[in-house]
Structure formats: C-alpha cells, structure tokens
Amino acid sequence: MLSAAAPTASSQIAGFLITVCGLGLMLWMFLHMSAKSRWKEYSVRYPCPNKPAGRAWTVWWAVFGKRGDRCKYTYRRCVRVHFTEQGVYLSMGLILGRINKPFLMPWSKVKYIEQYDGPFYRKYMVSIWEGPDEIYLEMLDKGQGDLKQYYKKSIAAGDPRMELEPQYRPY
C-alpha cells in the first residue's frame, strides 16, 4: 500500500522560491517586451484619459514593430480595442493595464483593413502605421459592425489621408 509522506519544510520553501522566481521572470519578460514594443510612447503621444463608450473587443493578435524588421512584439488575447469616431482605442486588461496605459490611434493612421475568410471563421486584419512603426491587429468577426461603421464615417468626414477603402481578399 502506498502512503503519501507529508512535505518537509525544506521542500515547501524550495517550491515557494521556484514559484516566486518563475513569476518574477515572467514579469521581467513582460516589462521588457512592453518597453521594446513602444506601447508607452504611443500612450504618451496619443493619450485618451476617458474610456470610450461602446463595446470592447478582444484582439487575437496584436503585433508591434518596425516595417521590414524581423523582430516584432506580439500580444496574444490581452489587447482590447474600441472603435470610435475619433479612432482606434487600444487598452489592456486589469493587470497589464496598470503597466501599459491606453491610447487612441486616429483613423488617419489606419492604412488598410483586410478581411480573411477561412473555412470555419472570418477574421479582420487592421494595419496601423505610425512613421516607421506598424501595429497589426488580428480579430475575429465579432467586432466587424463597429469597425466598418466608424471606418466609413472617417472616410465620409473627408479625412485627406483616408483615401483607401477596406481591402477584402479571400484567405
């Protein structure tokens, strides 16, 4: 018959230290990635103190980096997006939102929107260019109503830099 031995004090301390070191390493990696992705620069350059009204959508992939650069910083399912008349409001959840403040990227920075139709889903890729940097947002079909509504309003308002209609290409 097998019996479970009670954990000793030294094994409990070792487990605690390993857990603390692992959590500290994950926090350090996230802070390093946040600094390199230029999220803080965007939140200073395009501040938005008030959260916009409406629904927030979770972005499956948010990729930050320079155009043509192989080193890009990816956030998976932690970026939230609101589509508003002024632009694209990007924020993070409760814990990550304390480190990375939200920002509102104007519609004039959105270069194109692509629709991909897969066998079981439809997704949208939103490309935002700010100087040499680019932000790609990949989201599922759920937020398409807000996206199309506000993107077309910005074109109808006569924004001179918004001459592109969304490009729809099959996946």
Foldseek 3Di string as FASTA:
>chain_A
DDDDDDDDPVVVVVVVVVVVVVVVVVVVVVLVLVVVLCLQVQCVVFPDPDDDDDDKFFFQWKWKDFVPDPDIRIDGRFWIWDQDLQAIKIAGDDPVRVVGPIGGDGLLQWDAKEWEDDPVFIKIWIWGDDPRMIIITIGTPPCVVSVQVNNVSNVVVPPPSNPDDHDYDYD
